[in-house]
Amino acid sequence: MTRECPSPAPGPGAPLSASVLAEAAVVFAVVLSIHATVWDRYSWCAVALAVQAFYVQYKWDRLLQQGSAVFQFRMSANSGLLPASMVMPLLGLVMKERCQAAGNPFFERFGIVVAATGMAVALFSSVLALGITRPVPTNTCVILGLAGGVIIYIMKHSLSVGEVIEVLEVLLIFVYLNMILLYLLPRCFTPGEALLVLGGISFVLNQLIKRSLTLVESQGDPVDFFLLVVVVGMVLMGIFFSTLFVFMDSGTWASSIFFHLMTCVLSLGVVLPWLHRLIRRNPLLWLLQFLFQTDTRIYLVAYWSLLATLACLVVLYQNAKRSSSESKKHQAPTIARKYFHLIVVATYIPGIIFDRPLLYVAATVCLAVFIFLEYVRYFRIKPLGHALRSLLSLFLDERDSGPLILTHIYLLLGMSLPIWLIPRPCTQKGSLGGARALVPYAGVLAVGVGDTVASIFGSTMGEIRWPGTKKTFEGTMTSIFAQIISVALILIFDSGVDLNYSYAWILGSISTVSLLEAYTTQIDNLLLPLYLLILLMA
């Protein structure tokens, strides 16, 4: 989400280059910070990857400006290759370090596989960009070749045969998902966002296949399997219906009835049996028992239901204002859009404090509901399809330029990923002390508080712009200040948080991510929590 001055936006010339350079500087600062913390051969690979991504990003930007890219990408942003390329490798590195410190060799190797997979996917995106660039950029190819050679050599001598096969499997899935989803969903992603989102989905799909084929009784936590099956099931359902409705008119009652019937068939005939095989019990009974296991969970579910009702009322109220206004192109103001950020903050903080496993599962259920409703809206499925199109069009911004509306899903993901990605087996011995105690709050701080305050104050009081952007100095400073106050409140209300005098690192992490928000043109709801998570985990 953006914060803007009242004055017009700058043009796409030199200021854009200044913003891209500043964004790259912030990303390199994060990479070097992690490198200094980890300081092993894998962190050197991350530095090499960042250098080649910096050079290749300009080739991607040129392809987008010339309209020469293979697929149609979102045009209101740069390629975003550098910040997106570094997320999975850095996440894998900090996960490896935490699990090594906790004495968990299995998840230490898992972190290395995550880092290697992220590097492989990023290198593929770089090769794709250079392969379709004419004339071939010789210098950039040399840099890519050197960085890729170093990474491949180190990984070859660090990974087992099974781990290499796992990385190649994810890369193959990523290639096919790119071809399918970027064709079906034009202008929904930048190259960097496609790398981040589709790379994550590819890794999740491969993990689900691997765990399904090598299943051992009582292996794994049911909530982890629940997340994997839900994500993969919703993605495969979307691909199935997208292919089907190429040959059918999805807006008719016959197609709508068929959609609902097939959803039931796929859910009851594929998703639930798959989950039953993994958790060794009835999924529906397990979910009901899990949600209502304690009084605290019942109170939280009731509280969240009230907040969901409040969010629906906000949507209806804003649409009623549009209907009463003279302009049919009325759009919700920035402050109105930030109501949802505040509602999400009010949702997540009690869950983090009182029952994180419940929040984990509830966020997964909410993700499934959001994706299903987006399918209904996109395919114009009766009886809610047209109504959802009308209601949600009020909250569109320049980042929803494709056929899908993804900002609310990105908001949910940004808040949930810090909960989902914590390596719980590596946190049982108190290893989440210091700044790492704030890892579950990364989404709340970066998006729920920081982005919201920056947008409101930047759009209402901001006057001094950061070079090359529409973002303001005042918005960034108030964002940092608000996050610091939030950390103080977390210390007061969450007795499980002990920062151990790591205040300088926390302040530096918050300031770095706030600067990234000021300069990035990517989906900040998704990118910022991941970078804050990485810095806090380190």
Protein backbone atom coordinates (compact mmCIF):
# COMPACT_ATOMS: atom_id res chain seq x y z
CA MET A 1 0.00 0.00 0.00
CA THR A 2 1.29 3.46 -0.81
CA ARG A 3 1.30 6.84 0.82
CA GLU A 4 1.22 9.83 -1.49
CA CYS A 5 1.63 13.56 -1.38
CA PRO A 6 -1.18 15.62 -2.84
CA SER A 7 1.10 16.79 -5.66
CA PRO A 8 1.41 14.82 -8.89
CA ALA A 9 3.68 11.81 -9.21
CA PRO A 10 7.11 12.10 -10.76
CA GLY A 11 7.76 10.91 -14.25
CA PRO A 12 9.34 7.60 -15.19
CA GLY A 13 12.77 8.97 -16.12
CA ALA A 14 15.73 9.60 -13.85
CA PRO A 15 13.71 9.64 -10.57
CA LEU A 16 12.71 6.04 -11.19
CA SER A 17 16.37 5.08 -11.56
CA ALA A 18 17.13 6.86 -8.29
CA SER A 19 14.39 4.92 -6.51
CA VAL A 20 15.62 1.62 -7.94
CA LEU A 21 19.18 2.36 -6.80
CA ALA A 22 17.96 3.29 -3.32
CA GLU A 23 15.88 0.10 -3.12
CA ALA A 24 18.93 -1.91 -4.18
CA ALA A 25 21.05 -0.18 -1.53
CA VAL A 26 18.57 -1.17 1.18
CA VAL A 27 18.47 -4.78 -0.02
CA PHE A 28 22.28 -4.96 -0.12
CA ALA A 29 22.36 -3.60 3.43
CA VAL A 30 20.12 -6.49 4.52
CA VAL A 31 22.18 -9.06 2.59
CA LEU A 32 25.45 -7.82 4.08
CA SER A 33 23.94 -7.77 7.58
CA ILE A 34 22.91 -11.41 7.25
CA HIS A 35 26.28 -12.25 5.70
CA ALA A 36 28.12 -10.68 8.64
CA THR A 37 25.92 -12.62 11.06
CA VAL A 38 26.16 -16.01 9.35
CA TRP A 39 29.55 -15.74 7.58
CA ASP A 40 29.83 -19.11 5.86
CA ARG A 41 29.99 -20.35 2.29
CA TYR A 42 26.22 -20.12 1.92
CA SER A 43 26.16 -16.45 2.87
CA TRP A 44 28.88 -15.80 0.28
CA CYS A 45 26.56 -17.44 -2.26
CA ALA A 46 23.83 -15.01 -1.19
CA VAL A 47 26.14 -12.05 -1.80
CA ALA A 48 27.02 -13.39 -5.27
CA LEU A 49 23.33 -13.90 -6.03
CA ALA A 50 22.51 -10.32 -5.00
CA VAL A 51 25.25 -8.90 -7.24
CA GLN A 52 24.02 -10.73 -10.35
CA ALA A 53 20.37 -9.93 -9.54
CA PHE A 54 21.26 -6.23 -9.33
CA TYR A 55 22.64 -6.27 -12.86
CA VAL A 56 19.94 -8.50 -14.35
CA GLN A 57 17.16 -6.37 -12.81
CA TYR A 58 18.00 -3.56 -15.25
CA LYS A 59 17.60 -5.96 -18.17
CA TRP A 60 14.19 -7.00 -16.87
CA ASP A 61 13.23 -3.32 -16.49
CA ARG A 62 14.25 -2.64 -20.08
CA LEU A 63 12.22 -5.61 -21.30
CA LEU A 64 9.16 -4.31 -19.45
CA GLN A 65 9.57 -0.81 -20.87
CA GLN A 66 9.94 -2.16 -24.42
CA GLY A 67 7.08 -4.65 -24.03
CA SER A 68 9.45 -7.47 -25.00
CA ALA A 69 8.85 -9.77 -22.02
CA VAL A 70 7.43 -13.20 -22.78
CA PHE A 71 4.39 -12.65 -20.55
CA GLN A 72 2.35 -9.59 -19.62
CA PHE A 73 3.56 -8.23 -16.28
CA ARG A 74 2.23 -5.45 -14.06
CA MET A 75 3.42 -2.18 -15.59
CA SER A 76 3.08 0.24 -12.65
CA ALA A 77 6.31 -1.00 -11.05
CA ASN A 78 9.84 -2.04 -11.88
CA SER A 79 10.77 -5.70 -12.21
CA GLY A 80 11.65 -6.08 -8.52
CA LEU A 81 14.02 -8.95 -9.26
CA LEU A 82 16.64 -8.06 -6.63
CA PRO A 83 14.43 -7.81 -3.51
CA ALA A 84 12.40 -10.88 -4.53
CA SER A 85 15.46 -12.99 -5.39
CA MET A 86 16.93 -12.61 -1.91
CA VAL A 87 13.91 -13.58 0.22
CA MET A 88 14.11 -17.39 0.05
CA PRO A 89 17.94 -17.61 0.24
CA LEU A 90 18.13 -15.27 3.24
CA LEU A 91 15.21 -17.00 4.93
CA GLY A 92 16.94 -20.35 4.48
CA LEU A 93 20.19 -18.98 5.92
CA VAL A 94 18.64 -17.59 9.10
CA MET A 95 16.55 -20.75 9.51
CA LYS A 96 19.73 -22.84 9.25
CA GLU A 97 21.46 -20.71 11.87
CA ARG A 98 18.57 -20.89 14.34
CA CYS A 99 18.18 -24.66 13.99
CA GLN A 100 21.93 -25.18 14.24
CA ALA A 101 21.95 -23.21 17.49
CA ALA A 102 19.00 -25.28 18.75
CA GLY A 103 20.79 -28.55 17.91
CA ASN A 104 18.26 -29.71 15.29
CA PRO A 105 20.25 -31.14 12.34
CA PHE A 106 17.16 -32.12 10.31
CA PHE A 107 15.80 -28.58 10.12
CA GLU A 108 19.32 -27.20 9.73
CA ARG A 109 19.57 -29.18 6.48
CA PHE A 110 16.05 -28.07 5.60
CA GLY A 111 17.19 -24.44 5.87
CA ILE A 112 20.07 -25.16 3.49
CA VAL A 113 17.62 -26.70 1.00
CA VAL A 114 15.38 -23.62 1.25
CA ALA A 115 18.36 -21.35 0.55
CA ALA A 116 19.57 -23.50 -2.37
CA THR A 117 16.07 -23.65 -3.85
CA GLY A 118 15.69 -19.88 -3.65
CA MET A 119 19.02 -19.40 -5.40
CA ALA A 120 18.12 -21.88 -8.15
CA VAL A 121 14.76 -20.19 -8.84
CA ALA A 122 16.39 -16.72 -8.85
CA LEU A 123 19.11 -17.85 -11.26
CA PHE A 124 16.47 -19.29 -13.60
CA SER A 125 14.64 -15.95 -13.67
CA SER A 126 17.92 -14.19 -14.46
CA VAL A 127 18.74 -16.62 -17.26
CA LEU A 128 15.24 -16.13 -18.69
CA ALA A 129 15.68 -12.35 -18.76
CA LEU A 130 19.05 -12.50 -20.48
CA GLY A 131 17.86 -15.16 -22.91
CA ILE A 132 15.18 -12.89 -24.38
CA THR A 133 17.23 -9.66 -24.29
CA ARG A 134 18.49 -8.45 -27.68
CA PRO A 135 21.29 -7.71 -28.20
CA VAL A 136 22.68 -10.18 -25.68
CA PRO A 137 24.23 -8.19 -22.77
CA THR A 138 27.73 -9.69 -22.67
CA ASN A 139 28.92 -8.09 -19.42
CA THR A 140 25.78 -9.08 -17.51
CA CYS A 141 26.05 -12.63 -18.87
CA VAL A 142 29.62 -12.84 -17.57
CA ILE A 143 28.51 -11.66 -14.12
CA LEU A 144 25.62 -14.11 -14.10
CA GLY A 145 27.91 -16.91 -15.22
CA LEU A 146 30.47 -16.21 -12.50
CA ALA A 147 27.85 -15.92 -9.75
CA GLY A 148 25.98 -18.98 -10.98
CA GLY A 149 29.20 -20.98 -11.24
CA VAL A 150 30.20 -20.14 -7.67
CA ILE A 151 26.73 -21.00 -6.34
CA ILE A 152 26.47 -24.27 -8.27
CA TYR A 153 29.99 -25.35 -7.23
CA ILE A 154 29.37 -24.69 -3.53
CA MET A 155 25.94 -26.30 -3.54
CA LYS A 156 27.27 -29.33 -5.42
CA HIS A 157 29.74 -29.98 -2.60
CA SER A 158 27.25 -29.13 0.18
CA LEU A 159 24.03 -30.93 -0.77
CA SER A 160 23.35 -34.63 -0.79
CA VAL A 161 22.02 -36.32 -3.91
CA GLY A 162 18.50 -36.35 -2.46
CA GLU A 163 18.67 -32.64 -1.66
CA VAL A 164 19.89 -31.82 -5.17
CA ILE A 165 16.97 -33.78 -6.61
CA GLU A 166 14.59 -31.88 -4.32
CA VAL A 167 15.94 -28.52 -5.53
CA LEU A 168 15.59 -29.62 -9.17
CA GLU A 169 12.02 -30.80 -8.52
CA VAL A 170 11.04 -27.40 -7.15
CA LEU A 171 12.71 -25.70 -10.12
CA LEU A 172 10.77 -27.89 -12.56
CA ILE A 173 7.47 -27.15 -10.81
CA PHE A 174 8.34 -23.44 -10.83
CA VAL A 175 8.96 -23.48 -14.60
CA TYR A 176 5.60 -25.12 -15.30
CA LEU A 177 3.70 -22.86 -12.90
CA ASN A 178 5.29 -19.82 -14.57
CA MET A 179 4.12 -20.94 -17.99
CA ILE A 180 0.60 -21.74 -16.79
CA LEU A 181 -0.24 -18.99 -14.31
CA LEU A 182 1.51 -16.08 -16.05
CA TYR A 183 -0.40 -16.98 -19.21
CA LEU A 184 -3.72 -17.31 -17.40
CA LEU A 185 -3.21 -14.20 -15.22
CA PRO A 186 -1.69 -11.37 -17.28
CA ARG A 187 -0.65 -8.14 -15.50
CA CYS A 188 -1.15 -9.64 -12.03
CA PHE A 189 2.54 -9.82 -11.11
CA THR A 190 5.86 -8.14 -11.70
CA PRO A 191 8.73 -10.55 -12.50
CA GLY A 192 9.88 -10.26 -8.87
CA GLU A 193 6.43 -10.91 -7.45
CA ALA A 194 6.02 -13.91 -9.76
CA LEU A 195 9.36 -15.26 -8.56
CA LEU A 196 8.40 -14.83 -4.91
CA VAL A 197 4.81 -16.11 -5.09
CA LEU A 198 5.25 -18.92 -7.60
CA GLY A 199 8.56 -19.96 -6.06
CA GLY A 200 6.84 -20.30 -2.68
CA ILE A 201 3.93 -22.25 -4.15
CA SER A 202 6.36 -24.56 -5.98
CA PHE A 203 8.25 -25.29 -2.78
CA VAL A 204 5.02 -25.96 -0.86
CA LEU A 205 3.75 -28.30 -3.60
CA ASN A 206 7.01 -30.24 -3.64
CA GLN A 207 7.01 -30.54 0.16
CA LEU A 208 3.46 -31.90 0.10
CA ILE A 209 4.32 -34.47 -2.58
CA LYS A 210 7.47 -35.50 -0.70
CA ARG A 211 5.68 -35.90 2.62
CA SER A 212 2.81 -37.79 1.01
CA LEU A 213 5.19 -40.31 -0.60
CA THR A 214 7.43 -40.76 2.46
CA LEU A 215 4.74 -40.71 5.11
CA VAL A 216 5.55 -42.23 8.47
CA GLU A 217 2.89 -42.51 11.14
CA SER A 218 2.91 -39.61 13.64
CA GLN A 219 5.48 -37.75 11.53
CA GLY A 220 4.85 -34.02 11.37
CA ASP A 221 2.36 -31.65 12.96
CA PRO A 222 -1.25 -31.80 11.64
CA VAL A 223 -1.40 -28.00 11.41
CA ASP A 224 1.56 -28.04 9.00
CA PHE A 225 -0.11 -30.64 6.81
CA PHE A 226 -3.33 -28.62 6.93
CA LEU A 227 -1.54 -25.54 5.56
CA LEU A 228 0.23 -27.50 2.80
CA VAL A 229 -2.92 -29.25 1.61
CA VAL A 230 -5.04 -26.07 1.67
CA VAL A 231 -2.52 -24.01 -0.33
CA VAL A 232 -1.91 -26.69 -2.94
CA GLY A 233 -5.59 -27.61 -3.17
CA MET A 234 -6.70 -24.02 -3.78
CA VAL A 235 -4.01 -23.45 -6.43
CA LEU A 236 -4.85 -26.66 -8.29
CA MET A 237 -8.56 -25.82 -8.08
CA GLY A 238 -7.88 -22.44 -9.66
CA ILE A 239 -5.86 -23.97 -12.51
CA PHE A 240 -8.61 -26.54 -13.11
CA PHE A 241 -11.41 -23.98 -13.33
CA SER A 242 -9.32 -21.54 -15.39
CA THR A 243 -8.72 -24.27 -17.95
CA LEU A 244 -12.35 -25.43 -17.87
CA PHE A 245 -13.88 -21.98 -18.33
CA VAL A 246 -11.83 -21.37 -21.45
CA PHE A 247 -14.40 -23.62 -23.14
CA MET A 248 -17.46 -22.49 -21.13
CA ASP A 249 -19.17 -19.24 -20.24
CA SER A 250 -18.64 -19.04 -16.49
CA GLY A 251 -21.35 -16.41 -15.96
CA THR A 252 -24.35 -18.65 -16.62
CA TRP A 253 -26.38 -20.42 -13.97
CA ALA A 254 -25.47 -23.82 -15.44
CA SER A 255 -21.75 -23.04 -15.18
CA SER A 256 -22.21 -21.66 -11.66
CA ILE A 257 -23.99 -24.79 -10.47
CA PHE A 258 -21.27 -26.90 -12.09
CA PHE A 259 -18.61 -24.78 -10.32
CA HIS A 260 -20.17 -25.36 -6.90
CA LEU A 261 -20.66 -29.08 -7.54
CA MET A 262 -17.06 -29.53 -8.72
CA THR A 263 -15.80 -27.57 -5.73
CA CYS A 264 -17.60 -30.02 -3.45
CA VAL A 265 -16.30 -32.99 -5.44
CA LEU A 266 -12.70 -31.77 -5.36
CA SER A 267 -12.89 -30.85 -1.68
CA LEU A 268 -14.58 -34.03 -0.49
CA GLY A 269 -13.00 -36.38 -3.01
CA VAL A 270 -9.42 -35.10 -3.22
CA VAL A 271 -8.46 -32.54 -0.57
CA LEU A 272 -10.05 -34.17 2.49
CA PRO A 273 -8.85 -37.72 1.67
CA TRP A 274 -5.36 -36.34 1.02
CA LEU A 275 -5.38 -34.57 4.39
CA HIS A 276 -6.83 -37.69 6.06
CA ARG A 277 -3.90 -39.74 4.75
CA LEU A 278 -1.41 -37.26 6.20
CA ILE A 279 -2.89 -36.66 9.66
CA ARG A 280 -4.39 -40.16 10.12
CA ARG A 281 -7.78 -38.92 11.34
CA ASN A 282 -11.00 -37.36 10.04
CA PRO A 283 -9.99 -33.82 8.94
CA LEU A 284 -13.36 -32.21 9.69
CA LEU A 285 -13.61 -33.71 13.17
CA TRP A 286 -9.99 -32.79 13.85
CA LEU A 287 -10.60 -29.19 12.76
CA LEU A 288 -13.72 -28.82 14.92
CA GLN A 289 -12.00 -30.33 17.95
CA PHE A 290 -8.99 -28.12 17.40
CA LEU A 291 -10.99 -24.89 17.07
CA PHE A 292 -13.12 -25.49 20.16
CA GLN A 293 -10.65 -27.38 22.35
CA THR A 294 -10.45 -24.77 25.14
CA ASP A 295 -12.49 -21.84 26.40
CA THR A 296 -9.78 -19.45 25.22
CA ARG A 297 -10.16 -20.74 21.67
CA ILE A 298 -13.92 -20.37 21.79
CA TYR A 299 -13.59 -16.76 22.94
CA LEU A 300 -11.00 -16.01 20.25
CA VAL A 301 -13.13 -17.54 17.49
CA ALA A 302 -16.14 -15.51 18.64
CA TYR A 303 -14.03 -12.34 18.79
CA TRP A 304 -12.63 -12.94 15.31
CA SER A 305 -16.13 -13.55 13.98
CA LEU A 306 -17.16 -10.12 15.27
CA LEU A 307 -14.16 -8.51 13.57
CA ALA A 308 -14.98 -10.29 10.29
CA THR A 309 -18.52 -8.92 10.54
CA LEU A 310 -17.10 -5.44 11.16
CA ALA A 311 -14.92 -5.72 8.05
CA CYS A 312 -17.96 -6.67 5.96
CA LEU A 313 -19.86 -3.69 7.36
CA VAL A 314 -16.98 -1.37 6.39
CA VAL A 315 -17.16 -2.67 2.80
CA LEU A 316 -20.94 -2.18 2.67
CA TYR A 317 -20.72 1.29 4.22
CA GLN A 318 -18.08 2.50 1.77
CA ASN A 319 -20.12 1.16 -1.15
CA ALA A 320 -23.22 2.89 0.19
CA LYS A 321 -21.23 6.17 0.19
CA ARG A 322 -20.24 5.53 -3.41
CA SER A 323 -23.85 4.93 -4.40
CA SER A 324 -24.91 8.22 -2.82
CA SER A 325 -22.06 10.22 -4.38
CA GLU A 326 -22.42 11.93 -7.73
CA SER A 327 -19.26 10.40 -9.19
CA LYS A 328 -19.60 6.80 -10.24
CA LYS A 329 -15.80 6.48 -10.16
CA HIS A 330 -15.63 7.20 -6.45
CA GLN A 331 -12.76 5.30 -4.82
CA ALA A 332 -12.26 4.61 -1.14
CA PRO A 333 -9.75 7.04 0.41
CA THR A 334 -6.45 5.85 1.83
CA ILE A 335 -7.70 6.06 5.41
CA ALA A 336 -10.72 3.89 4.58
CA ARG A 337 -8.48 1.20 3.07
CA LYS A 338 -6.33 1.24 6.19
CA TYR A 339 -9.35 0.32 8.33
CA PHE A 340 -8.71 -3.25 7.21
CA HIS A 341 -5.10 -3.06 8.40
CA LEU A 342 -6.31 -1.99 11.84
CA ILE A 343 -8.88 -4.80 11.92
CA VAL A 344 -6.20 -7.31 11.00
CA VAL A 345 -3.92 -5.99 13.76
CA ALA A 346 -6.78 -6.38 16.24
CA THR A 347 -7.19 -9.94 14.94
CA TYR A 348 -3.58 -11.10 15.10
CA ILE A 349 -2.27 -9.63 18.35
CA PRO A 350 -4.62 -11.60 20.68
CA GLY A 351 -3.92 -14.74 18.66
CA ILE A 352 -0.15 -14.32 18.94
CA ILE A 353 -0.34 -13.66 22.68
CA PHE A 354 -2.88 -16.28 23.73
CA ASP A 355 -2.91 -19.14 21.18
CA ARG A 356 -0.50 -19.20 18.21
CA PRO A 357 -1.49 -22.70 16.96
CA LEU A 358 -5.11 -21.53 16.72
CA LEU A 359 -4.02 -18.41 14.83
CA TYR A 360 -1.96 -20.64 12.51
CA VAL A 361 -5.02 -22.74 11.60
CA ALA A 362 -7.47 -19.81 11.52
CA ALA A 363 -5.23 -17.90 9.10
CA THR A 364 -5.10 -20.97 6.86
CA VAL A 365 -8.90 -21.24 6.85
CA CYS A 366 -9.18 -17.52 6.11
CA LEU A 367 -6.73 -17.86 3.21
CA ALA A 368 -8.86 -20.63 1.70
CA VAL A 369 -12.00 -18.48 2.05
CA PHE A 370 -10.32 -15.44 0.46
CA ILE A 371 -9.05 -17.45 -2.50
CA PHE A 372 -12.42 -19.16 -3.00
CA LEU A 373 -14.26 -15.81 -2.95
CA GLU A 374 -11.76 -14.44 -5.46
CA TYR A 375 -12.52 -17.39 -7.75
CA VAL A 376 -16.22 -16.62 -7.40
CA ARG A 377 -15.60 -12.95 -8.26
CA TYR A 378 -13.17 -13.62 -11.11
CA PHE A 379 -15.32 -16.26 -12.83
CA ARG A 380 -18.55 -14.28 -12.12
CA ILE A 381 -20.08 -17.30 -10.37
CA LYS A 382 -23.73 -16.77 -9.42
CA PRO A 383 -25.19 -15.65 -7.11
CA LEU A 384 -22.28 -13.69 -5.53
CA GLY A 385 -19.90 -13.10 -8.44
CA HIS A 386 -21.27 -9.81 -9.76
CA ALA A 387 -21.94 -8.47 -6.25
CA LEU A 388 -18.32 -9.15 -5.21
CA ARG A 389 -17.06 -7.42 -8.36
CA SER A 390 -19.05 -4.32 -7.52
CA LEU A 391 -18.22 -4.28 -3.81
CA LEU A 392 -14.47 -4.84 -4.15
CA SER A 393 -13.91 -2.52 -7.12
CA LEU A 394 -14.15 0.38 -4.66
CA PHE A 395 -10.89 -0.65 -2.99
CA LEU A 396 -8.76 -1.17 -6.09
CA ASP A 397 -5.48 0.68 -6.57
CA GLU A 398 -2.81 0.72 -9.28
CA ARG A 399 -1.43 -2.61 -8.07
CA ASP A 400 -4.65 -4.42 -8.99
CA SER A 401 -4.15 -3.92 -12.73
CA GLY A 402 -4.72 -7.57 -13.68
CA PRO A 403 -7.86 -9.71 -13.69
CA LEU A 404 -7.35 -10.77 -10.07
CA ILE A 405 -7.68 -8.63 -6.93
CA LEU A 406 -4.81 -9.78 -4.75
CA THR A 407 -4.06 -6.97 -2.28
CA HIS A 408 -6.31 -8.37 0.47
CA ILE A 409 -4.78 -11.84 -0.01
CA TYR A 410 -1.28 -10.32 0.16
CA LEU A 411 -2.28 -8.54 3.38
CA LEU A 412 -3.36 -11.84 4.92
CA LEU A 413 -0.17 -13.55 3.72
CA GLY A 414 2.03 -10.75 5.04
CA MET A 415 0.49 -11.04 8.49
CA SER A 416 0.47 -14.87 8.50
CA LEU A 417 3.84 -15.81 7.01
CA PRO A 418 5.79 -14.88 10.19
CA ILE A 419 3.49 -17.29 12.06
CA TRP A 420 3.72 -20.05 9.45
CA LEU A 421 7.46 -19.83 8.79
CA ILE A 422 8.77 -20.02 12.37
CA PRO A 423 10.69 -23.33 12.62
CA ARG A 424 8.83 -24.52 15.72
CA PRO A 425 11.06 -27.57 16.36
CA CYS A 426 13.97 -25.10 16.63
CA THR A 427 12.23 -22.85 19.15
CA GLN A 428 11.53 -25.31 21.95
CA LYS A 429 14.70 -24.51 23.90
CA GLY A 430 14.33 -20.78 24.25
CA SER A 431 16.20 -19.95 21.02
CA LEU A 432 13.69 -17.22 20.22
CA GLY A 433 15.15 -14.80 22.72
CA GLY A 434 16.24 -11.24 22.05
CA ALA A 435 15.05 -9.67 18.80
CA ARG A 436 13.91 -13.11 17.62
CA ALA A 437 11.10 -12.97 20.20
CA LEU A 438 9.45 -10.39 17.92
CA VAL A 439 9.46 -12.67 14.86
CA PRO A 440 5.75 -13.62 15.19
CA TYR A 441 4.96 -9.90 15.28
CA ALA A 442 6.87 -9.11 12.06
CA GLY A 443 3.68 -8.80 10.00
CA VAL A 444 1.91 -6.75 12.67
CA LEU A 445 4.84 -4.33 12.93
CA ALA A 446 5.76 -3.98 9.24
CA VAL A 447 2.30 -3.92 7.65
CA GLY A 448 -0.31 -3.57 10.37
CA VAL A 449 1.40 -0.67 12.15
CA GLY A 450 4.25 0.67 10.02
CA ASP A 451 2.63 0.73 6.59
CA THR A 452 -0.68 1.96 7.98
CA VAL A 453 0.79 4.87 9.93
CA ALA A 454 3.13 5.79 7.07
CA SER A 455 0.28 5.86 4.58
CA ILE A 456 -2.05 7.94 6.75
CA PHE A 457 0.51 10.50 7.91
CA GLY A 458 2.32 10.60 4.57
CA SER A 459 -0.86 11.28 2.60
CA THR A 460 -2.23 13.89 5.03
CA MET A 461 0.84 15.73 6.32
CA GLY A 462 3.74 14.64 4.12
CA GLU A 463 5.64 17.36 2.26
CA ILE A 464 9.24 16.14 1.83
CA ARG A 465 9.48 13.34 -0.72
CA TRP A 466 12.10 10.67 -0.85
CA PRO A 467 14.04 11.11 -4.15
CA GLY A 468 12.33 9.46 -7.08
CA THR A 469 9.19 8.33 -5.24
CA LYS A 470 5.78 9.54 -4.11
CA LYS A 471 6.58 8.45 -0.55
CA THR A 472 7.39 11.05 2.08
CA PHE A 473 10.01 11.51 4.77
CA GLU A 474 7.32 12.32 7.34
CA GLY A 475 5.49 9.09 6.60
CA THR A 476 8.63 7.00 7.06
CA MET A 477 9.62 8.69 10.32
CA THR A 478 6.15 8.29 11.84
CA SER A 479 6.17 4.67 10.70
CA ILE A 480 9.42 3.98 12.57
CA PHE A 481 8.20 5.82 15.66
CA ALA A 482 4.87 3.92 15.66
CA GLN A 483 6.63 0.57 15.38
CA ILE A 484 8.93 1.44 18.30
CA ILE A 485 5.89 2.29 20.42
CA SER A 486 4.29 -0.99 19.34
CA VAL A 487 7.38 -2.93 20.47
CA ALA A 488 7.13 -1.24 23.87
CA LEU A 489 3.45 -2.22 24.13
CA ILE A 490 4.28 -5.81 23.14
CA LEU A 491 6.82 -5.93 25.97
CA ILE A 492 4.12 -4.79 28.39
CA PHE A 493 1.31 -7.12 27.31
CA ASP A 494 3.20 -10.24 26.14
CA SER A 495 5.14 -11.71 29.06
CA GLY A 496 6.79 -14.25 26.74
CA VAL A 497 8.82 -11.55 24.96
CA ASP A 498 12.29 -10.88 26.38
CA LEU A 499 14.44 -8.68 24.13
CA ASN A 500 17.68 -9.15 26.13
CA TYR A 501 18.92 -5.63 25.40
CA SER A 502 18.88 -6.18 21.61
CA TYR A 503 17.25 -2.78 21.10
CA ALA A 504 19.84 -1.46 18.63
CA TRP A 505 19.31 -4.40 16.25
CA ILE A 506 15.52 -4.04 16.51
CA LEU A 507 15.69 -0.31 15.77
CA GLY A 508 18.02 -0.94 12.82
CA SER A 509 15.76 -3.68 11.45
CA ILE A 510 12.64 -1.54 11.70
CA SER A 511 14.38 1.46 10.11
CA THR A 512 15.78 -0.64 7.25
CA VAL A 513 12.42 -2.19 6.41
CA SER A 514 10.74 1.25 6.61
CA LEU A 515 13.26 2.57 4.08
CA LEU A 516 12.54 -0.41 1.86
CA GLU A 517 8.83 0.46 2.05
CA ALA A 518 9.65 4.01 0.98
CA TYR A 519 11.44 2.93 -2.19
CA THR A 520 10.00 -0.38 -3.32
CA THR A 521 7.29 -0.54 -5.98
CA GLN A 522 6.54 -4.19 -5.25
CA ILE A 523 3.64 -5.45 -3.12
CA ASP A 524 4.78 -4.19 0.28
CA ASN A 525 2.11 -6.17 2.12
CA LEU A 526 4.06 -9.29 1.17
CA LEU A 527 7.66 -8.09 0.93
CA LEU A 528 8.08 -6.03 4.10
CA PRO A 529 7.06 -8.68 6.69
CA LEU A 530 9.42 -11.19 5.09
CA TYR A 531 12.41 -8.83 5.27
CA LEU A 532 11.60 -7.86 8.86
CA LEU A 533 11.22 -11.55 9.74
CA ILE A 534 14.65 -12.28 8.23
CA LEU A 535 16.35 -9.44 10.10
CA LEU A 536 14.73 -10.27 13.44
CA MET A 537 15.47 -13.98 13.06
CA ALA A 538 19.15 -13.19 12.39
